[in-house]
N, C-alpha and C. Protein backbone atom coordinates (compact mmCIF):
# COMPACT_ATOMS: atom_id res chain seq x y z
N MET A 1 -14.32 38.55 -16.18
CA MET A 1 -14.69 39.06 -14.88
C MET A 1 -16.08 38.55 -14.46
N LEU A 2 -17.02 38.55 -15.42
CA LEU A 2 -18.37 38.05 -15.13
C LEU A 2 -18.32 36.57 -14.76
N ARG A 3 -17.51 35.82 -15.47
CA ARG A 3 -17.37 34.38 -15.18
C ARG A 3 -16.84 34.18 -13.77
N PHE A 4 -15.85 34.99 -13.36
CA PHE A 4 -15.29 34.90 -12.02
C PHE A 4 -16.37 35.19 -10.97
N ARG A 5 -17.20 36.21 -11.21
CA ARG A 5 -18.27 36.54 -10.26
C ARG A 5 -19.27 35.40 -10.14
N ARG A 6 -19.61 34.79 -11.26
CA ARG A 6 -20.56 33.67 -11.22
C ARG A 6 -19.98 32.49 -10.44
N ILE A 7 -18.72 32.21 -10.67
CA ILE A 7 -18.06 31.12 -9.94
C ILE A 7 -18.01 31.44 -8.46
N ALA A 8 -17.66 32.67 -8.11
CA ALA A 8 -17.61 33.07 -6.70
C ALA A 8 -18.99 32.96 -6.07
N LEU A 9 -20.03 33.38 -6.79
CA LEU A 9 -21.39 33.28 -6.28
C LEU A 9 -21.78 31.83 -6.07
N MET A 10 -21.47 30.97 -7.02
CA MET A 10 -21.82 29.56 -6.89
C MET A 10 -21.07 28.92 -5.72
N LEU A 11 -19.80 29.26 -5.53
CA LEU A 11 -19.05 28.71 -4.40
C LEU A 11 -19.62 29.19 -3.07
N THR A 12 -20.03 30.44 -3.02
CA THR A 12 -20.65 30.97 -1.80
C THR A 12 -21.95 30.23 -1.51
N MET A 13 -22.76 30.02 -2.55
CA MET A 13 -24.02 29.29 -2.36
C MET A 13 -23.75 27.86 -1.89
N LEU A 14 -22.77 27.21 -2.45
CA LEU A 14 -22.43 25.86 -2.01
C LEU A 14 -21.97 25.83 -0.56
N TRP A 15 -21.19 26.84 -0.17
CA TRP A 15 -20.72 26.90 1.21
C TRP A 15 -21.91 27.02 2.16
N PHE A 16 -22.87 27.92 1.84
CA PHE A 16 -24.05 28.07 2.69
C PHE A 16 -24.85 26.77 2.75
N ALA A 17 -25.01 26.12 1.61
CA ALA A 17 -25.77 24.87 1.59
C ALA A 17 -25.07 23.81 2.43
N ALA A 18 -23.76 23.71 2.30
CA ALA A 18 -23.01 22.70 3.05
C ALA A 18 -23.04 22.97 4.54
N SER A 19 -23.06 24.23 4.91
CA SER A 19 -23.05 24.55 6.34
C SER A 19 -24.44 24.50 6.96
N GLY A 20 -25.46 24.31 6.12
CA GLY A 20 -26.80 24.11 6.65
C GLY A 20 -27.63 25.36 6.84
N TYR A 21 -27.13 26.52 6.45
CA TYR A 21 -27.86 27.75 6.70
C TYR A 21 -28.80 28.16 5.57
N ALA A 22 -28.69 27.55 4.41
CA ALA A 22 -29.59 27.92 3.32
C ALA A 22 -30.12 26.70 2.59
N GLN A 23 -30.15 25.58 3.27
CA GLN A 23 -30.55 24.34 2.62
C GLN A 23 -32.06 24.18 2.59
N MET A 24 -32.70 24.65 1.59
CA MET A 24 -34.10 24.34 1.31
C MET A 24 -34.95 24.10 2.55
N GLY A 25 -34.77 24.90 3.58
CA GLY A 25 -35.62 24.76 4.75
C GLY A 25 -35.14 23.72 5.73
N MET A 26 -33.95 23.20 5.58
CA MET A 26 -33.47 22.14 6.45
C MET A 26 -32.67 22.70 7.63
N MET A 27 -33.27 23.57 8.39
CA MET A 27 -32.61 24.15 9.55
C MET A 27 -32.84 23.22 10.74
N GLY A 28 -31.99 23.34 11.72
CA GLY A 28 -32.15 22.55 12.93
C GLY A 28 -33.35 23.00 13.74
N PRO A 29 -33.71 22.25 14.77
CA PRO A 29 -34.85 22.61 15.60
C PRO A 29 -34.67 24.00 16.20
N GLY A 30 -35.76 24.75 16.25
CA GLY A 30 -35.72 26.06 16.87
C GLY A 30 -35.28 27.19 15.95
N HIS A 31 -34.91 26.88 14.74
CA HIS A 31 -34.49 27.91 13.79
C HIS A 31 -35.61 28.18 12.79
N MET A 32 -35.63 29.41 12.29
CA MET A 32 -36.60 29.77 11.27
C MET A 32 -36.29 29.02 9.99
N ARG A 33 -37.33 28.54 9.32
CA ARG A 33 -37.12 27.89 8.02
C ARG A 33 -36.53 28.90 7.06
N MET A 34 -35.44 28.53 6.42
CA MET A 34 -34.75 29.46 5.53
C MET A 34 -34.96 29.14 4.06
N ASN A 35 -35.86 28.24 3.73
CA ASN A 35 -36.04 27.86 2.34
C ASN A 35 -36.36 29.07 1.47
N MET A 36 -35.43 29.43 0.61
CA MET A 36 -35.62 30.58 -0.27
C MET A 36 -35.57 30.18 -1.73
N SER A 37 -35.88 28.92 -2.03
CA SER A 37 -35.88 28.41 -3.38
C SER A 37 -34.55 28.67 -4.07
N MET A 38 -33.55 27.96 -3.65
CA MET A 38 -32.22 28.11 -4.23
C MET A 38 -32.22 27.72 -5.70
N GLN A 39 -33.07 26.78 -6.11
CA GLN A 39 -33.15 26.41 -7.53
C GLN A 39 -33.60 27.60 -8.36
N ARG A 40 -34.62 28.29 -7.90
CA ARG A 40 -35.13 29.45 -8.63
C ARG A 40 -34.09 30.57 -8.64
N HIS A 41 -33.48 30.80 -7.50
CA HIS A 41 -32.44 31.84 -7.39
C HIS A 41 -31.30 31.54 -8.36
N HIS A 42 -30.84 30.32 -8.36
CA HIS A 42 -29.75 29.93 -9.26
C HIS A 42 -30.17 30.11 -10.72
N PHE A 43 -31.38 29.70 -11.05
CA PHE A 43 -31.87 29.83 -12.42
C PHE A 43 -31.85 31.30 -12.85
N VAL A 44 -32.35 32.19 -12.00
CA VAL A 44 -32.39 33.61 -12.34
C VAL A 44 -30.99 34.19 -12.44
N MET A 45 -30.09 33.77 -11.56
CA MET A 45 -28.72 34.27 -11.62
C MET A 45 -28.05 33.87 -12.94
N MET A 46 -28.37 32.71 -13.45
CA MET A 46 -27.74 32.23 -14.68
C MET A 46 -28.48 32.68 -15.95
N ASN A 47 -29.81 32.84 -15.88
CA ASN A 47 -30.61 33.10 -17.07
C ASN A 47 -31.39 34.40 -17.06
N GLY A 48 -31.53 35.01 -15.91
CA GLY A 48 -32.38 36.19 -15.80
C GLY A 48 -33.84 35.78 -15.76
N ILE A 49 -34.70 36.77 -15.63
CA ILE A 49 -36.14 36.55 -15.63
C ILE A 49 -36.62 36.62 -17.08
N ASP A 50 -37.57 35.79 -17.41
CA ASP A 50 -38.17 35.80 -18.74
C ASP A 50 -38.45 37.26 -19.14
N PRO A 51 -37.97 37.70 -20.31
CA PRO A 51 -38.14 39.10 -20.72
C PRO A 51 -39.58 39.61 -20.70
N LYS A 52 -40.56 38.73 -20.89
CA LYS A 52 -41.94 39.22 -20.87
C LYS A 52 -42.40 39.62 -19.46
N TYR A 53 -41.61 39.25 -18.44
CA TYR A 53 -41.93 39.62 -17.06
C TYR A 53 -40.94 40.63 -16.48
N ALA A 54 -39.79 40.79 -17.08
CA ALA A 54 -38.67 41.51 -16.48
C ALA A 54 -38.96 42.96 -16.10
N SER A 55 -39.85 43.63 -16.78
CA SER A 55 -40.09 45.04 -16.46
C SER A 55 -41.42 45.28 -15.72
N LYS A 56 -42.04 44.21 -15.26
CA LYS A 56 -43.33 44.36 -14.58
C LYS A 56 -43.16 45.03 -13.21
N VAL A 57 -44.08 45.94 -12.91
CA VAL A 57 -44.14 46.63 -11.63
C VAL A 57 -45.60 46.65 -11.19
N ASN A 58 -45.82 46.40 -9.92
CA ASN A 58 -47.19 46.34 -9.42
C ASN A 58 -47.88 47.70 -9.58
N PRO A 59 -48.94 47.75 -10.38
CA PRO A 59 -49.64 49.02 -10.60
C PRO A 59 -50.70 49.32 -9.53
N LEU A 60 -50.96 48.36 -8.65
CA LEU A 60 -52.04 48.52 -7.68
C LEU A 60 -51.54 49.14 -6.38
N PRO A 61 -52.37 50.00 -5.78
CA PRO A 61 -51.99 50.57 -4.48
C PRO A 61 -52.09 49.50 -3.40
N THR A 62 -51.31 49.65 -2.36
CA THR A 62 -51.37 48.72 -1.23
C THR A 62 -52.49 49.19 -0.31
N SER A 63 -53.70 48.95 -0.72
CA SER A 63 -54.88 49.36 0.04
C SER A 63 -55.40 48.18 0.85
N ALA A 64 -56.23 48.48 1.83
CA ALA A 64 -56.85 47.41 2.63
C ALA A 64 -57.66 46.48 1.74
N GLU A 65 -58.32 47.04 0.74
CA GLU A 65 -59.13 46.23 -0.16
C GLU A 65 -58.26 45.26 -0.97
N ASN A 66 -57.15 45.75 -1.51
CA ASN A 66 -56.26 44.89 -2.29
C ASN A 66 -55.57 43.85 -1.41
N LEU A 67 -55.18 44.25 -0.20
CA LEU A 67 -54.55 43.28 0.72
C LEU A 67 -55.55 42.20 1.13
N GLY A 68 -56.79 42.58 1.38
CA GLY A 68 -57.82 41.60 1.73
C GLY A 68 -58.08 40.62 0.59
N ALA A 69 -58.14 41.15 -0.62
CA ALA A 69 -58.34 40.28 -1.79
C ALA A 69 -57.12 39.38 -1.98
N GLY A 70 -55.92 39.93 -1.76
CA GLY A 70 -54.70 39.14 -1.87
C GLY A 70 -54.64 38.02 -0.84
N GLU A 71 -55.10 38.32 0.38
CA GLU A 71 -55.13 37.29 1.42
C GLU A 71 -56.09 36.17 1.03
N HIS A 72 -57.24 36.54 0.52
CA HIS A 72 -58.22 35.54 0.08
C HIS A 72 -57.62 34.65 -1.02
N LEU A 73 -56.97 35.27 -2.00
CA LEU A 73 -56.33 34.52 -3.09
C LEU A 73 -55.22 33.62 -2.55
N TYR A 74 -54.45 34.13 -1.59
CA TYR A 74 -53.37 33.34 -0.99
C TYR A 74 -53.94 32.10 -0.31
N ARG A 75 -54.95 32.28 0.48
CA ARG A 75 -55.54 31.14 1.20
C ARG A 75 -56.12 30.11 0.24
N GLN A 76 -56.70 30.56 -0.87
CA GLN A 76 -57.27 29.65 -1.86
C GLN A 76 -56.22 28.90 -2.67
N ASN A 77 -55.12 29.57 -3.01
CA ASN A 77 -54.18 29.03 -3.99
C ASN A 77 -52.80 28.66 -3.46
N CYS A 78 -52.39 29.20 -2.33
CA CYS A 78 -50.99 29.07 -1.90
C CYS A 78 -50.80 28.42 -0.53
N ALA A 79 -51.73 28.67 0.38
CA ALA A 79 -51.54 28.27 1.78
C ALA A 79 -51.39 26.77 1.96
N SER A 80 -52.01 25.96 1.11
CA SER A 80 -51.93 24.51 1.30
C SER A 80 -50.48 24.02 1.22
N CYS A 81 -49.66 24.65 0.41
CA CYS A 81 -48.24 24.27 0.32
C CYS A 81 -47.34 25.20 1.12
N HIS A 82 -47.55 26.52 0.98
CA HIS A 82 -46.66 27.48 1.62
C HIS A 82 -47.01 27.75 3.08
N GLY A 83 -48.14 27.24 3.55
CA GLY A 83 -48.54 27.43 4.94
C GLY A 83 -49.34 28.70 5.13
N ILE A 84 -50.15 28.73 6.15
CA ILE A 84 -51.05 29.84 6.40
C ILE A 84 -50.29 31.15 6.62
N ASP A 85 -49.08 31.07 7.17
CA ASP A 85 -48.27 32.26 7.42
C ASP A 85 -47.15 32.44 6.41
N GLY A 86 -47.13 31.62 5.36
CA GLY A 86 -46.12 31.75 4.31
C GLY A 86 -44.75 31.21 4.67
N LEU A 87 -44.67 30.34 5.66
CA LEU A 87 -43.38 29.83 6.13
C LEU A 87 -42.89 28.61 5.36
N GLY A 88 -43.65 28.15 4.39
CA GLY A 88 -43.25 26.97 3.62
C GLY A 88 -43.60 25.68 4.32
N ASP A 89 -44.54 25.73 5.25
CA ASP A 89 -44.84 24.57 6.09
C ASP A 89 -46.27 24.04 5.93
N GLY A 90 -46.86 24.25 4.77
CA GLY A 90 -48.21 23.75 4.54
C GLY A 90 -48.25 22.24 4.41
N ASP A 91 -49.36 21.65 4.79
CA ASP A 91 -49.50 20.19 4.75
C ASP A 91 -49.28 19.60 3.37
N ALA A 92 -49.79 20.24 2.33
CA ALA A 92 -49.66 19.70 0.97
C ALA A 92 -48.22 19.77 0.46
N GLY A 93 -47.38 20.57 1.09
CA GLY A 93 -46.00 20.70 0.65
C GLY A 93 -44.99 19.88 1.42
N ARG A 94 -45.45 19.13 2.40
CA ARG A 94 -44.51 18.39 3.28
C ARG A 94 -43.61 17.41 2.53
N ASN A 95 -44.10 16.78 1.50
CA ASN A 95 -43.32 15.77 0.80
C ASN A 95 -42.73 16.26 -0.53
N LEU A 96 -42.78 17.55 -0.76
CA LEU A 96 -42.24 18.09 -2.00
C LEU A 96 -40.74 18.35 -1.87
N PHE A 97 -40.03 18.14 -2.96
CA PHE A 97 -38.61 18.49 -3.00
C PHE A 97 -38.33 19.24 -4.29
N PRO A 98 -37.82 20.42 -4.18
CA PRO A 98 -37.54 21.12 -2.92
C PRO A 98 -38.85 21.51 -2.25
N PRO A 99 -38.78 21.73 -0.94
CA PRO A 99 -40.00 22.12 -0.23
C PRO A 99 -40.45 23.52 -0.65
N PRO A 100 -41.71 23.85 -0.42
CA PRO A 100 -42.19 25.19 -0.75
C PRO A 100 -41.37 26.27 -0.04
N ALA A 101 -41.19 27.39 -0.72
CA ALA A 101 -40.38 28.48 -0.18
C ALA A 101 -41.04 29.15 1.02
N ASN A 102 -40.23 29.69 1.88
CA ASN A 102 -40.68 30.56 2.96
C ASN A 102 -40.90 31.93 2.33
N ILE A 103 -42.08 32.12 1.77
CA ILE A 103 -42.33 33.35 1.03
C ILE A 103 -42.58 34.54 1.94
N ALA A 104 -42.89 34.30 3.21
CA ALA A 104 -43.05 35.41 4.14
C ALA A 104 -41.71 36.15 4.28
N ALA A 105 -40.63 35.41 4.35
CA ALA A 105 -39.31 36.03 4.46
C ALA A 105 -38.78 36.45 3.09
N PHE A 106 -38.93 35.57 2.10
CA PHE A 106 -38.35 35.85 0.80
C PHE A 106 -38.97 37.06 0.12
N SER A 107 -40.26 37.28 0.27
CA SER A 107 -40.94 38.38 -0.43
C SER A 107 -40.44 39.74 0.02
N LYS A 108 -39.67 39.78 1.09
CA LYS A 108 -39.13 41.04 1.58
C LYS A 108 -37.64 41.22 1.25
N MET A 109 -37.06 40.25 0.58
CA MET A 109 -35.65 40.33 0.24
C MET A 109 -35.46 41.17 -1.03
N PRO A 110 -34.29 41.80 -1.19
CA PRO A 110 -34.05 42.65 -2.36
C PRO A 110 -34.24 41.93 -3.70
N MET A 111 -33.92 40.66 -3.77
CA MET A 111 -34.05 39.93 -5.03
C MET A 111 -35.51 39.76 -5.45
N ALA A 112 -36.42 39.81 -4.49
CA ALA A 112 -37.84 39.56 -4.75
C ALA A 112 -38.51 40.81 -5.31
N SER A 113 -38.09 41.21 -6.48
CA SER A 113 -38.71 42.36 -7.15
C SER A 113 -40.12 41.99 -7.59
N ASP A 114 -40.88 42.99 -7.95
CA ASP A 114 -42.22 42.73 -8.46
C ASP A 114 -42.17 41.78 -9.66
N SER A 115 -41.22 42.02 -10.55
CA SER A 115 -41.13 41.17 -11.75
C SER A 115 -40.77 39.73 -11.39
N TYR A 116 -39.87 39.56 -10.44
CA TYR A 116 -39.47 38.22 -9.99
C TYR A 116 -40.67 37.47 -9.40
N LEU A 117 -41.39 38.14 -8.52
CA LEU A 117 -42.54 37.49 -7.88
C LEU A 117 -43.65 37.21 -8.89
N TYR A 118 -43.90 38.15 -9.80
CA TYR A 118 -44.92 37.92 -10.82
C TYR A 118 -44.54 36.72 -11.68
N TRP A 119 -43.30 36.67 -12.14
CA TRP A 119 -42.82 35.55 -12.95
C TRP A 119 -42.96 34.23 -12.18
N THR A 120 -42.59 34.24 -10.90
CA THR A 120 -42.67 33.04 -10.07
C THR A 120 -44.10 32.52 -10.00
N ILE A 121 -45.04 33.40 -9.74
CA ILE A 121 -46.44 33.00 -9.61
C ILE A 121 -47.01 32.59 -10.97
N ALA A 122 -46.76 33.38 -11.98
CA ALA A 122 -47.33 33.11 -13.31
C ALA A 122 -46.82 31.79 -13.89
N GLU A 123 -45.52 31.56 -13.82
CA GLU A 123 -44.91 30.38 -14.45
C GLU A 123 -44.77 29.20 -13.49
N GLY A 124 -44.88 29.45 -12.19
CA GLY A 124 -44.74 28.37 -11.22
C GLY A 124 -43.37 27.71 -11.31
N GLY A 125 -43.34 26.42 -11.10
CA GLY A 125 -42.08 25.68 -11.13
C GLY A 125 -41.69 25.16 -12.49
N VAL A 126 -42.46 25.46 -13.52
CA VAL A 126 -42.19 24.94 -14.86
C VAL A 126 -40.76 25.27 -15.32
N PRO A 127 -40.29 26.53 -15.22
CA PRO A 127 -38.94 26.84 -15.73
C PRO A 127 -37.81 26.13 -14.97
N ILE A 128 -38.07 25.76 -13.71
CA ILE A 128 -37.00 25.18 -12.89
C ILE A 128 -37.25 23.73 -12.51
N GLY A 129 -38.34 23.16 -12.98
CA GLY A 129 -38.61 21.75 -12.74
C GLY A 129 -39.06 21.40 -11.34
N THR A 130 -39.85 22.30 -10.70
CA THR A 130 -40.39 21.98 -9.38
C THR A 130 -41.90 21.79 -9.48
N ALA A 131 -42.50 21.42 -8.37
CA ALA A 131 -43.93 21.06 -8.35
C ALA A 131 -44.89 22.25 -8.31
N MET A 132 -44.39 23.46 -8.14
CA MET A 132 -45.30 24.60 -8.06
C MET A 132 -46.04 24.76 -9.38
N PRO A 133 -47.37 24.78 -9.32
CA PRO A 133 -48.14 24.93 -10.57
C PRO A 133 -48.07 26.37 -11.09
N PRO A 134 -48.18 26.55 -12.39
CA PRO A 134 -48.26 27.91 -12.94
C PRO A 134 -49.66 28.47 -12.71
N PHE A 135 -49.74 29.76 -12.42
CA PHE A 135 -51.03 30.39 -12.14
C PHE A 135 -51.45 31.38 -13.22
N LYS A 136 -50.69 31.50 -14.30
CA LYS A 136 -51.01 32.50 -15.33
C LYS A 136 -52.34 32.23 -16.02
N GLU A 137 -52.80 31.00 -16.03
CA GLU A 137 -54.10 30.69 -16.63
C GLU A 137 -55.22 30.70 -15.60
N ARG A 138 -54.87 30.52 -14.35
CA ARG A 138 -55.86 30.42 -13.28
C ARG A 138 -56.21 31.78 -12.67
N LEU A 139 -55.21 32.67 -12.59
CA LEU A 139 -55.42 33.98 -11.98
C LEU A 139 -55.29 35.09 -13.02
N LYS A 140 -56.11 36.13 -12.87
CA LYS A 140 -56.00 37.31 -13.73
C LYS A 140 -54.80 38.13 -13.29
N GLU A 141 -54.33 39.01 -14.16
CA GLU A 141 -53.16 39.83 -13.84
C GLU A 141 -53.35 40.63 -12.56
N ASP A 142 -54.50 41.27 -12.39
CA ASP A 142 -54.70 42.07 -11.17
C ASP A 142 -54.77 41.18 -9.93
N GLU A 143 -55.20 39.94 -10.08
CA GLU A 143 -55.22 39.02 -8.94
C GLU A 143 -53.79 38.66 -8.52
N ILE A 144 -52.93 38.46 -9.49
CA ILE A 144 -51.52 38.17 -9.17
C ILE A 144 -50.92 39.37 -8.44
N TRP A 145 -51.22 40.58 -8.89
CA TRP A 145 -50.69 41.77 -8.22
C TRP A 145 -51.23 41.90 -6.80
N LYS A 146 -52.49 41.57 -6.58
CA LYS A 146 -53.06 41.60 -5.22
C LYS A 146 -52.39 40.56 -4.35
N LEU A 147 -52.14 39.42 -4.91
CA LEU A 147 -51.44 38.36 -4.20
C LEU A 147 -50.03 38.81 -3.80
N ILE A 148 -49.32 39.45 -4.71
CA ILE A 148 -47.97 39.96 -4.42
C ILE A 148 -48.01 41.00 -3.32
N ALA A 149 -48.99 41.90 -3.37
CA ALA A 149 -49.13 42.91 -2.30
C ALA A 149 -49.32 42.22 -0.95
N TYR A 150 -50.13 41.17 -0.93
CA TYR A 150 -50.34 40.44 0.33
C TYR A 150 -49.07 39.74 0.79
N LEU A 151 -48.34 39.13 -0.14
CA LEU A 151 -47.10 38.45 0.23
C LEU A 151 -46.13 39.41 0.90
N ARG A 152 -46.05 40.61 0.40
CA ARG A 152 -45.14 41.61 0.99
C ARG A 152 -45.60 42.04 2.39
N ALA A 153 -46.89 41.85 2.69
CA ALA A 153 -47.42 42.22 3.99
C ALA A 153 -47.37 41.08 5.01
N LEU A 154 -47.04 39.88 4.57
CA LEU A 154 -46.98 38.72 5.50
C LEU A 154 -46.00 38.98 6.63
């Protein structure tokens, strides 16, 4: 039964990709960029999140101070690729494949749990073979949580 569900999920994902509605940000003119990192999504569907991140929950309150610090961290570390508004349209990400995710939209989706976002930021693209750098050595744990709080507010 689990195998059938995985096959059905993969076929659904292929259908969306073929029809152009979920292709790594390749929407037609006038449409919102839909890049939701299908590689990362597929990886998590098949492998789950690394167990050392799977139970993480943001311990910080969503305060003005934490959101301000998160915005500062975002502008320093993320905006060049993900864009100032998190749409995946930053100058440094223009030639990347897959392109940077539209994290403004994705961070509000049900799949984007605290643990998923923390794992994504900490490990970057290493687990899935993309250009996103890992931030686990560059940012402290509370900085990653402030960044996640800001992403949810985009």
